Structures are given as C-alpha cells and as structure tokens.
C-alpha cells in the first residue's frame, strides 16, 4: 500500500489516481493525524508526503514514522513546491523529492516501482 499525505485534496487525488491506474494500491490522507492513524493500522510500503500540511505539519508525521521500529524504514518521498534538498532528512528515511510545479505522472510511478 502506498500512502499519499497532502492537504491539497485535489493534488493528492491526482497522485492517487496515477498510482491506481498503474495497478498500485493506495490511500489518501489530507492531514498528519489521519495519516498517523492509517499507519497505525497498516504500515505502508511507500509514502508521498507534502511537508507543509495544514494543521500538524509533515514533520510531525515524519517524527512519528521515525519513532517506531516497524515504520522507521518506510521510504518517504517529499512532494512540495519548496525545495528541501539542502536539508539532511535521511534520519527520517526521506529518499526522494518531487517538485509540485514540475513533476509528471512518470515521476510518481518511477518512485512507486522502485520502492514497492
């Protein structure tokens, strides 16, 4: 299962639809609290995360994921208009980043194929 966490529901749905059309199983959450609840029931194989969520931000979610043995190694792809590449987020298992302004469906699928 691939989890998409994005407070922009339309954008998150576009990512989810891209994955579903390619045969992947996915879930969409629009906030960190709901995403943490989802992960507590089923550990995803991969997460696409918008770090600048409304309410508790994506870093709240990253800290929660990094806190538990069963979730600390789940690959995380940041999806944002901001560039986070200058930060070392490897301790959160952030393995990639997509720019919301430039990403294409192929980019989403490349990550999904690589990490699932």
N, C-alpha and C. Protein backbone atom coordinates (compact mmCIF):
# COMPACT_ATOMS: atom_id res chain seq x y z
N UNK A 1 0.84 -1.18 0.00
CA UNK A 1 0.00 0.00 0.00
C UNK A 1 0.89 1.24 0.00
N UNK A 2 0.49 2.21 -0.81
CA UNK A 2 1.19 3.49 -0.87
C UNK A 2 0.29 4.54 -0.24
N UNK A 3 0.84 5.32 0.67
CA UNK A 3 0.09 6.36 1.35
C UNK A 3 0.47 7.72 0.77
N UNK A 4 -0.53 8.51 0.42
CA UNK A 4 -0.33 9.88 -0.03
C UNK A 4 -0.87 10.79 1.05
N UNK A 5 -0.05 11.72 1.52
CA UNK A 5 -0.45 12.65 2.58
C UNK A 5 -0.28 14.05 2.02
N UNK A 6 -1.40 14.71 1.72
CA UNK A 6 -1.36 16.05 1.13
C UNK A 6 -2.62 16.80 1.52
N UNK A 7 -2.48 18.00 2.07
CA UNK A 7 -3.65 18.78 2.48
C UNK A 7 -4.40 19.36 1.28
N UNK A 8 -3.78 19.39 0.11
CA UNK A 8 -4.48 19.78 -1.11
C UNK A 8 -5.11 18.52 -1.68
N UNK A 9 -6.39 18.34 -1.36
CA UNK A 9 -7.07 17.09 -1.70
C UNK A 9 -7.07 16.80 -3.20
N UNK A 10 -7.19 17.83 -4.01
CA UNK A 10 -7.19 17.64 -5.47
C UNK A 10 -5.84 17.13 -5.93
N UNK A 11 -4.77 17.72 -5.42
CA UNK A 11 -3.42 17.29 -5.81
C UNK A 11 -3.16 15.87 -5.33
N UNK A 12 -3.52 15.59 -4.09
CA UNK A 12 -3.35 14.24 -3.55
C UNK A 12 -4.14 13.21 -4.35
N UNK A 13 -5.35 13.57 -4.76
CA UNK A 13 -6.17 12.66 -5.57
C UNK A 13 -5.53 12.39 -6.92
N UNK A 14 -4.87 13.39 -7.50
CA UNK A 14 -4.16 13.19 -8.78
C UNK A 14 -3.04 12.15 -8.62
N UNK A 15 -2.29 12.24 -7.52
CA UNK A 15 -1.23 11.27 -7.26
C UNK A 15 -1.85 9.88 -7.07
N UNK A 16 -2.90 9.81 -6.27
CA UNK A 16 -3.56 8.53 -6.01
C UNK A 16 -4.10 7.93 -7.31
N UNK A 17 -4.77 8.73 -8.13
CA UNK A 17 -5.32 8.24 -9.40
C UNK A 17 -4.23 7.71 -10.32
N UNK A 18 -3.09 8.40 -10.36
CA UNK A 18 -1.96 7.94 -11.17
C UNK A 18 -1.51 6.56 -10.72
N UNK A 19 -1.40 6.38 -9.41
CA UNK A 19 -0.97 5.09 -8.86
C UNK A 19 -2.01 3.99 -9.10
N UNK A 20 -3.27 4.30 -8.87
CA UNK A 20 -4.33 3.31 -9.04
C UNK A 20 -4.43 2.84 -10.49
N UNK A 21 -4.32 3.78 -11.43
CA UNK A 21 -4.39 3.43 -12.86
C UNK A 21 -3.24 2.51 -13.27
N UNK A 22 -2.13 2.58 -12.55
CA UNK A 22 -0.97 1.74 -12.86
C UNK A 22 -1.01 0.42 -12.07
N UNK A 23 -2.06 0.21 -11.30
CA UNK A 23 -2.22 -1.06 -10.60
C UNK A 23 -1.73 -1.09 -9.16
N UNK A 24 -1.32 0.05 -8.64
CA UNK A 24 -0.87 0.11 -7.24
C UNK A 24 -2.08 0.27 -6.32
N UNK A 25 -1.89 -0.10 -5.07
CA UNK A 25 -2.91 0.09 -4.04
C UNK A 25 -2.48 1.31 -3.24
N UNK A 26 -3.41 2.24 -3.03
CA UNK A 26 -3.05 3.45 -2.30
C UNK A 26 -4.17 3.99 -1.46
N UNK A 27 -3.80 4.83 -0.52
CA UNK A 27 -4.74 5.54 0.33
C UNK A 27 -4.33 7.00 0.37
N UNK A 28 -5.31 7.87 0.53
CA UNK A 28 -5.07 9.31 0.59
C UNK A 28 -5.50 9.85 1.94
N UNK A 29 -4.63 10.65 2.54
CA UNK A 29 -4.95 11.36 3.78
C UNK A 29 -4.65 12.83 3.55
N UNK A 30 -5.47 13.70 4.14
CA UNK A 30 -5.19 15.13 3.94
C UNK A 30 -4.63 15.81 5.19
N UNK A 31 -4.26 15.01 6.21
CA UNK A 31 -3.62 15.63 7.37
C UNK A 31 -2.75 14.60 8.11
N UNK A 32 -1.86 15.10 8.93
CA UNK A 32 -0.89 14.25 9.63
C UNK A 32 -1.55 13.32 10.64
N UNK A 33 -2.57 13.81 11.33
CA UNK A 33 -3.22 12.99 12.36
C UNK A 33 -3.90 11.78 11.73
N UNK A 34 -4.64 12.00 10.65
CA UNK A 34 -5.29 10.89 9.96
C UNK A 34 -4.26 9.93 9.37
N UNK A 35 -3.17 10.48 8.83
CA UNK A 35 -2.12 9.64 8.25
C UNK A 35 -1.47 8.75 9.32
N UNK A 36 -1.23 9.30 10.49
CA UNK A 36 -0.66 8.52 11.60
C UNK A 36 -1.63 7.40 11.99
N UNK A 37 -2.91 7.71 12.00
CA UNK A 37 -3.92 6.69 12.32
C UNK A 37 -3.91 5.57 11.27
N UNK A 38 -3.80 5.92 10.01
CA UNK A 38 -3.74 4.92 8.94
C UNK A 38 -2.52 4.03 9.13
N UNK A 39 -1.38 4.64 9.39
CA UNK A 39 -0.12 3.89 9.54
C UNK A 39 -0.17 2.97 10.76
N UNK A 40 -0.90 3.38 11.79
CA UNK A 40 -1.00 2.53 12.98
C UNK A 40 -1.77 1.24 12.69
N UNK A 41 -2.57 1.25 11.64
CA UNK A 41 -3.36 0.06 11.27
C UNK A 41 -2.70 -0.76 10.18
N UNK A 42 -1.99 -0.09 9.28
CA UNK A 42 -1.30 -0.78 8.17
C UNK A 42 -0.07 0.02 7.77
N UNK A 43 1.08 -0.59 7.89
CA UNK A 43 2.33 0.08 7.54
C UNK A 43 2.44 0.14 6.01
N UNK A 44 2.57 1.34 5.46
CA UNK A 44 2.68 1.46 4.01
C UNK A 44 4.04 1.02 3.50
N UNK A 45 4.09 0.69 2.21
CA UNK A 45 5.36 0.36 1.57
C UNK A 45 6.12 1.62 1.18
N UNK A 46 5.38 2.71 0.97
CA UNK A 46 5.93 3.97 0.49
C UNK A 46 4.97 5.08 0.87
N UNK A 47 5.52 6.29 1.13
CA UNK A 47 4.70 7.46 1.44
C UNK A 47 5.12 8.61 0.55
N UNK A 48 4.12 9.25 -0.08
CA UNK A 48 4.32 10.54 -0.75
C UNK A 48 3.77 11.58 0.21
N UNK A 49 4.62 12.50 0.67
CA UNK A 49 4.26 13.42 1.76
C UNK A 49 4.50 14.88 1.38
N UNK A 50 3.47 15.69 1.54
CA UNK A 50 3.60 17.14 1.45
C UNK A 50 4.01 17.62 2.84
N UNK A 51 5.22 18.16 2.99
CA UNK A 51 5.68 18.54 4.33
C UNK A 51 4.92 19.72 4.94
N UNK A 52 4.34 20.58 4.11
CA UNK A 52 3.69 21.79 4.60
C UNK A 52 2.18 21.58 4.73
N UNK A 53 1.79 20.56 5.47
CA UNK A 53 0.38 20.24 5.67
C UNK A 53 -0.31 21.30 6.51
N UNK A 54 -1.61 21.41 6.34
CA UNK A 54 -2.43 22.24 7.21
C UNK A 54 -2.57 21.53 8.55
N UNK A 55 -2.51 22.26 9.64
CA UNK A 55 -2.57 21.63 10.97
C UNK A 55 -1.19 21.12 11.32
N UNK A 56 -1.11 20.00 12.07
CA UNK A 56 0.21 19.43 12.32
C UNK A 56 0.89 19.16 10.96
N UNK A 57 2.10 19.63 10.82
CA UNK A 57 2.75 19.56 9.51
C UNK A 57 3.35 18.18 9.23
N UNK A 58 3.92 18.06 8.05
CA UNK A 58 4.51 16.80 7.63
C UNK A 58 5.67 16.36 8.51
N UNK A 59 6.32 17.29 9.17
CA UNK A 59 7.43 16.92 10.04
C UNK A 59 6.92 16.23 11.31
N UNK A 60 5.71 16.56 11.72
CA UNK A 60 5.08 15.82 12.81
C UNK A 60 4.91 14.36 12.39
N UNK A 61 4.44 14.17 11.17
CA UNK A 61 4.27 12.82 10.63
C UNK A 61 5.63 12.12 10.51
N UNK A 62 6.65 12.82 9.99
CA UNK A 62 7.99 12.23 9.86
C UNK A 62 8.54 11.79 11.21
N UNK A 63 8.38 12.62 12.22
CA UNK A 63 8.85 12.26 13.57
C UNK A 63 8.14 11.02 14.09
N UNK A 64 6.85 10.94 13.84
CA UNK A 64 6.09 9.77 14.29
C UNK A 64 6.58 8.51 13.57
N UNK A 65 6.78 8.61 12.27
CA UNK A 65 7.25 7.46 11.49
C UNK A 65 8.63 7.01 11.97
N UNK A 66 9.50 7.96 12.28
CA UNK A 66 10.87 7.64 12.71
C UNK A 66 10.92 7.09 14.13
N UNK A 67 9.84 7.21 14.87
CA UNK A 67 9.82 6.81 16.27
C UNK A 67 9.60 5.32 16.51
N UNK A 68 9.16 4.60 15.49
CA UNK A 68 8.80 3.20 15.68
C UNK A 68 9.58 2.29 14.74
N UNK A 69 10.00 1.16 15.26
CA UNK A 69 10.82 0.21 14.51
C UNK A 69 10.10 -0.25 13.24
N UNK A 70 8.81 -0.48 13.33
CA UNK A 70 8.09 -1.02 12.16
C UNK A 70 7.81 0.03 11.08
N UNK A 71 7.99 1.31 11.38
CA UNK A 71 7.74 2.36 10.37
C UNK A 71 8.98 3.18 10.02
N UNK A 72 10.05 3.05 10.78
CA UNK A 72 11.21 3.92 10.59
C UNK A 72 11.91 3.71 9.24
N UNK A 73 11.71 2.57 8.60
CA UNK A 73 12.39 2.31 7.33
C UNK A 73 11.48 2.45 6.11
N UNK A 74 10.27 2.95 6.31
CA UNK A 74 9.37 3.18 5.18
C UNK A 74 9.91 4.35 4.37
N UNK A 75 10.13 4.15 3.06
CA UNK A 75 10.65 5.25 2.24
C UNK A 75 9.63 6.38 2.12
N UNK A 76 10.13 7.60 2.22
CA UNK A 76 9.29 8.80 2.13
C UNK A 76 9.76 9.64 0.95
N UNK A 77 8.81 10.05 0.12
CA UNK A 77 9.08 10.97 -0.98
C UNK A 77 8.38 12.28 -0.63
N UNK A 78 9.14 13.37 -0.51
CA UNK A 78 8.54 14.67 -0.27
C UNK A 78 7.97 15.20 -1.57
N UNK A 79 6.77 15.77 -1.50
CA UNK A 79 6.10 16.35 -2.65
C UNK A 79 5.72 17.77 -2.26
N UNK A 80 6.43 18.75 -2.85
CA UNK A 80 6.24 20.12 -2.38
C UNK A 80 6.64 21.14 -3.45
N UNK A 81 6.17 22.35 -3.26
CA UNK A 81 6.62 23.47 -4.09
C UNK A 81 7.93 24.02 -3.55
N UNK A 82 8.26 23.69 -2.32
CA UNK A 82 9.51 24.15 -1.69
C UNK A 82 10.59 23.11 -1.91
N UNK A 83 11.82 23.57 -1.91
CA UNK A 83 12.97 22.69 -2.11
C UNK A 83 13.56 22.33 -0.74
N UNK A 84 13.53 21.06 -0.42
CA UNK A 84 14.06 20.58 0.86
C UNK A 84 15.40 19.86 0.69
N UNK A 85 15.96 19.87 -0.50
CA UNK A 85 17.18 19.09 -0.77
C UNK A 85 18.38 19.58 0.02
N UNK A 86 18.36 20.82 0.50
CA UNK A 86 19.50 21.32 1.27
C UNK A 86 19.52 20.80 2.71
N UNK A 87 18.43 20.14 3.10
CA UNK A 87 18.35 19.57 4.45
C UNK A 87 18.65 18.08 4.40
N UNK A 88 19.35 17.60 5.40
CA UNK A 88 19.61 16.16 5.50
C UNK A 88 18.45 15.53 6.26
N UNK A 89 17.57 14.90 5.51
CA UNK A 89 16.39 14.27 6.10
C UNK A 89 16.49 12.75 6.08
N UNK A 90 17.71 12.25 5.92
CA UNK A 90 17.92 10.80 5.83
C UNK A 90 17.51 10.08 7.11
N UNK A 91 17.60 10.75 8.25
CA UNK A 91 17.19 10.10 9.51
C UNK A 91 15.69 9.81 9.52
N UNK A 92 14.94 10.47 8.64
CA UNK A 92 13.50 10.21 8.51
C UNK A 92 13.21 9.28 7.33
N UNK A 93 14.24 8.76 6.71
CA UNK A 93 14.14 7.88 5.56
C UNK A 93 13.50 8.58 4.35
N UNK A 94 13.76 9.88 4.24
CA UNK A 94 13.35 10.62 3.04
C UNK A 94 14.33 10.23 1.94
N UNK A 95 13.82 9.57 0.90
CA UNK A 95 14.66 9.03 -0.16
C UNK A 95 14.52 9.78 -1.48
N UNK A 96 13.61 10.75 -1.53
CA UNK A 96 13.43 11.50 -2.77
C UNK A 96 12.54 12.70 -2.56
N UNK A 97 12.48 13.51 -3.61
CA UNK A 97 11.70 14.73 -3.55
C UNK A 97 11.14 15.02 -4.93
N UNK A 98 9.88 15.42 -4.97
CA UNK A 98 9.24 15.83 -6.22
C UNK A 98 8.77 17.27 -6.08
N UNK A 99 9.02 18.05 -7.12
CA UNK A 99 8.58 19.44 -7.17
C UNK A 99 7.17 19.47 -7.74
N UNK A 100 6.21 19.97 -6.97
CA UNK A 100 4.82 20.00 -7.41
C UNK A 100 4.64 20.78 -8.72
N UNK A 101 5.52 21.72 -8.97
CA UNK A 101 5.39 22.54 -10.18
C UNK A 101 5.95 21.86 -11.43
N UNK A 102 6.77 20.84 -11.26
CA UNK A 102 7.45 20.23 -12.40
C UNK A 102 7.20 18.73 -12.54
N UNK A 103 6.66 18.08 -11.53
CA UNK A 103 6.53 16.63 -11.55
C UNK A 103 5.54 16.16 -12.61
N UNK A 104 5.78 14.95 -13.07
CA UNK A 104 4.94 14.32 -14.08
C UNK A 104 4.48 12.96 -13.54
N UNK A 105 3.40 12.40 -14.07
CA UNK A 105 2.95 11.08 -13.61
C UNK A 105 4.06 10.04 -13.64
N UNK A 106 4.94 10.10 -14.64
CA UNK A 106 6.05 9.16 -14.74
C UNK A 106 6.94 9.22 -13.50
N UNK A 107 7.15 10.42 -12.96
CA UNK A 107 8.00 10.58 -11.77
C UNK A 107 7.40 9.84 -10.57
N UNK A 108 6.09 9.94 -10.42
CA UNK A 108 5.39 9.26 -9.33
C UNK A 108 5.54 7.74 -9.50
N UNK A 109 5.30 7.28 -10.72
CA UNK A 109 5.38 5.84 -10.98
C UNK A 109 6.80 5.29 -10.85
N UNK A 110 7.79 6.10 -11.24
CA UNK A 110 9.18 5.65 -11.08
C UNK A 110 9.49 5.38 -9.61
N UNK A 111 9.08 6.28 -8.71
CA UNK A 111 9.30 6.05 -7.28
C UNK A 111 8.50 4.85 -6.79
N UNK A 112 7.26 4.74 -7.23
CA UNK A 112 6.42 3.63 -6.78
C UNK A 112 7.03 2.29 -7.20
N UNK A 113 7.52 2.22 -8.41
CA UNK A 113 8.12 0.96 -8.89
C UNK A 113 9.43 0.66 -8.15
N UNK A 114 10.17 1.69 -7.84
CA UNK A 114 11.46 1.49 -7.18
C UNK A 114 11.32 1.02 -5.73
N UNK A 115 10.29 1.52 -5.03
CA UNK A 115 10.21 1.27 -3.59
C UNK A 115 9.08 0.35 -3.15
N UNK A 116 8.38 -0.28 -4.11
CA UNK A 116 7.33 -1.23 -3.70
C UNK A 116 7.58 -2.58 -4.33
